[in-house]
Amino acid sequence: MTDDWQDRVDRLWSSFDPDEGQPFVGAMAALAAERPGDPVALFELAGAHDATNSTTTAIDLYREALDTGLPQPLARQAAIQLASSLRISGSPAEAVTLIEQELADRSDDLDDAARAFLALALHDTGRDADAVALLVETLAAHLTRYRTSLVGYARELRSRPSGA
């Protein structure tokens, strides 16, 4: 576990070209093979698969990275990325559960990103009012004016009966 390995991973990510997916995944797999079973290597490989639309493989690798003790803050990133992949692959309810738990467990600079992915998953589960309310609340926290009004409107959205 040297900084050199992470430097090489970072350089690979900085050169990522979506049109060159297979060579990119191959290069990341070679780097991950240098650290078999290492949760950080698994996370990086999961991200490479995710970035190249190999969602099923990414999901399995994110789970393995988390199960083998991926440290924070990478574990938070992995949970968010896993939830996004779950949503895309047709499991939005699982994504909702995962991100809601993540937001309940900790808070950091990824909270708003987590909420954005949660809103997408809520929408995919048919909870459109909850998705919009979450986005409005998240945006309101960054405003200098109209914050109170927007939070009130978000609360109102959540209290409406479905389909209203």
Protein backbone atom coordinates (compact mmCIF):
# COMPACT_ATOMS: atom_id res chain seq x y z
CA MET A 1 0.00 0.00 0.00
CA THR A 2 2.05 2.85 -1.28
CA ASP A 3 1.12 6.32 -2.35
CA ASP A 4 2.56 5.41 -5.72
CA TRP A 5 -0.32 3.01 -6.33
CA GLN A 6 -2.92 5.70 -5.58
CA ASP A 7 -1.00 8.18 -7.72
CA ARG A 8 -1.19 5.75 -10.63
CA VAL A 9 -4.93 5.26 -10.03
CA ASP A 10 -5.44 9.02 -9.92
CA ARG A 11 -3.48 9.48 -13.16
CA LEU A 12 -5.57 6.78 -14.82
CA TRP A 13 -8.79 8.51 -13.73
CA SER A 14 -7.50 11.86 -15.00
CA SER A 15 -6.93 10.31 -18.42
CA PHE A 16 -10.34 8.60 -18.56
CA ASP A 17 -11.98 8.79 -21.97
CA PRO A 18 -15.54 7.39 -22.12
CA ASP A 19 -14.87 6.31 -25.70
CA GLU A 20 -12.00 4.11 -24.54
CA GLY A 21 -13.89 2.14 -21.88
CA GLN A 22 -12.41 -1.31 -22.29
CA PRO A 23 -8.75 -0.24 -22.19
CA PHE A 24 -9.55 1.92 -19.16
CA VAL A 25 -11.20 -0.96 -17.28
CA GLY A 26 -8.31 -3.23 -18.27
CA ALA A 27 -5.78 -0.76 -16.89
CA MET A 28 -7.76 -0.36 -13.67
CA ALA A 29 -8.08 -4.14 -13.34
CA ALA A 30 -4.30 -4.43 -13.66
CA LEU A 31 -3.84 -1.87 -10.89
CA ALA A 32 -6.42 -3.60 -8.69
CA ALA A 33 -4.67 -6.94 -9.25
CA GLU A 34 -1.61 -5.48 -7.52
CA ARG A 35 -3.68 -5.33 -4.33
CA PRO A 36 -5.92 -8.41 -4.33
CA GLY A 37 -8.83 -8.22 -1.91
CA ASP A 38 -8.00 -4.65 -0.90
CA PRO A 39 -11.22 -2.66 -0.44
CA VAL A 40 -9.74 0.50 -1.99
CA ALA A 41 -8.66 -1.44 -5.08
CA LEU A 42 -12.12 -3.01 -5.30
CA PHE A 43 -13.72 0.44 -5.00
CA GLU A 44 -11.56 1.87 -7.78
CA LEU A 45 -12.33 -1.09 -10.02
CA ALA A 46 -16.04 -0.75 -9.25
CA GLY A 47 -15.87 2.90 -10.25
CA ALA A 48 -14.17 1.99 -13.52
CA HIS A 49 -16.92 -0.48 -14.33
CA ASP A 50 -19.55 2.04 -13.30
CA ALA A 51 -18.05 4.77 -15.49
CA THR A 52 -18.11 2.42 -18.48
CA ASN A 53 -21.69 1.23 -17.96
CA SER A 54 -20.86 -2.21 -16.60
CA THR A 55 -23.38 -1.61 -13.84
CA THR A 56 -23.90 -5.19 -12.66
CA THR A 57 -20.19 -5.75 -12.21
CA ALA A 58 -19.86 -2.37 -10.48
CA ILE A 59 -22.63 -3.26 -8.01
CA ASP A 60 -20.91 -6.51 -7.05
CA LEU A 61 -17.55 -4.76 -6.61
CA TYR A 62 -19.00 -1.88 -4.56
CA ARG A 63 -20.65 -4.41 -2.26
CA GLU A 64 -17.41 -6.36 -1.91
CA ALA A 65 -15.42 -3.18 -1.19
CA LEU A 66 -17.90 -2.15 1.50
CA ASP A 67 -18.06 -5.65 2.97
CA THR A 68 -14.26 -5.86 3.24
CA GLY A 69 -13.94 -2.64 5.22
CA LEU A 70 -13.57 0.25 2.80
CA PRO A 71 -12.53 3.22 4.97
CA GLN A 72 -14.28 6.57 5.13
CA PRO A 73 -14.68 8.79 3.20
CA LEU A 74 -14.45 6.25 0.36
CA ALA A 75 -17.12 4.08 1.98
CA ARG A 76 -19.57 6.98 1.75
CA GLN A 77 -18.69 7.51 -1.90
CA ALA A 78 -19.11 3.80 -2.56
CA ALA A 79 -22.53 3.75 -0.89
CA ILE A 80 -23.70 6.69 -2.99
CA GLN A 81 -22.30 5.20 -6.18
CA LEU A 82 -23.77 1.80 -5.33
CA ALA A 83 -27.17 3.38 -4.76
CA SER A 84 -26.96 5.16 -8.10
CA SER A 85 -26.07 1.89 -9.84
CA LEU A 86 -28.88 0.06 -8.06
CA ARG A 87 -31.35 2.70 -9.23
CA ILE A 88 -30.13 2.48 -12.81
CA SER A 89 -30.28 -1.32 -12.75
CA GLY A 90 -33.93 -1.35 -11.65
CA SER A 91 -33.66 -1.48 -7.86
CA PRO A 92 -34.63 2.06 -6.84
CA ALA A 93 -36.26 0.98 -3.56
CA GLU A 94 -32.97 -0.57 -2.44
CA ALA A 95 -31.21 2.63 -3.49
CA VAL A 96 -33.62 4.70 -1.38
CA THR A 97 -33.00 2.51 1.66
CA LEU A 98 -29.22 2.64 1.21
CA ILE A 99 -29.01 6.42 0.83
CA GLU A 100 -31.50 7.15 3.59
CA GLN A 101 -29.39 5.01 5.92
CA GLU A 102 -26.23 6.73 4.76
CA LEU A 103 -27.72 10.16 5.45
CA ALA A 104 -28.92 9.01 8.88
CA ASP A 105 -25.50 7.57 9.82
CA ARG A 106 -23.21 10.49 8.99
CA SER A 107 -22.97 13.96 7.54
CA ASP A 108 -20.25 15.47 5.39
CA ASP A 109 -19.65 17.43 2.21
CA LEU A 110 -21.36 14.67 0.17
CA ASP A 111 -24.76 15.16 1.83
CA ASP A 112 -26.22 17.23 -1.00
CA ALA A 113 -24.95 14.77 -3.61
CA ALA A 114 -26.49 11.93 -1.62
CA ARG A 115 -29.78 13.84 -1.49
CA ALA A 116 -29.72 14.37 -5.25
CA PHE A 117 -29.28 10.65 -5.86
CA LEU A 118 -31.96 9.95 -3.27
CA ALA A 119 -34.34 12.27 -5.12
CA LEU A 120 -33.74 10.36 -8.35
CA ALA A 121 -34.40 7.06 -6.60
CA LEU A 122 -37.53 8.46 -4.93
CA HIS A 123 -38.79 9.55 -8.34
CA ASP A 124 -38.14 6.07 -9.73
CA THR A 125 -40.19 4.54 -6.91
CA GLY A 126 -43.11 6.84 -7.76
CA ARG A 127 -42.56 9.18 -4.83
CA ASP A 128 -42.36 12.31 -6.95
CA ALA A 129 -43.61 14.74 -4.29
CA ASP A 130 -40.99 13.46 -1.84
CA ALA A 131 -38.29 13.79 -4.53
CA VAL A 132 -39.22 17.38 -5.35
CA ALA A 133 -39.56 18.28 -1.68
CA LEU A 134 -36.11 16.89 -0.94
CA LEU A 135 -34.56 18.85 -3.80
CA VAL A 136 -36.31 22.07 -2.75
CA GLU A 137 -35.14 21.63 0.86
CA THR A 138 -31.60 20.92 -0.29
CA LEU A 139 -31.56 23.99 -2.52
CA ALA A 140 -33.18 26.16 0.16
CA ALA A 141 -30.28 25.50 2.51
CA HIS A 142 -28.02 27.38 0.07
CA LEU A 143 -30.24 30.41 -0.50
CA THR A 144 -29.98 33.79 1.17
CA ARG A 145 -33.63 34.63 0.51
CA TYR A 146 -36.87 32.65 0.40
CA ARG A 147 -35.49 29.80 2.50
CA THR A 148 -38.41 29.76 4.94
CA SER A 149 -40.99 29.85 2.15
CA LEU A 150 -39.34 27.07 0.21
CA VAL A 151 -38.99 24.83 3.25
CA GLY A 152 -42.69 25.42 3.93
CA TYR A 153 -43.59 24.49 0.36
CA ALA A 154 -41.49 21.35 0.62
CA ARG A 155 -43.32 20.40 3.83
CA GLU A 156 -46.62 21.03 2.03
CA LEU A 157 -45.59 18.77 -0.86
CA ARG A 158 -44.86 15.95 1.54
CA SER A 159 -48.21 16.31 3.29
CA ARG A 160 -50.32 16.10 0.12
CA PRO A 161 -52.13 12.87 -0.61
CA SER A 162 -50.61 10.87 -3.47
CA GLY A 163 -51.68 12.10 -6.88
CA ALA A 164 -52.87 15.48 -5.59
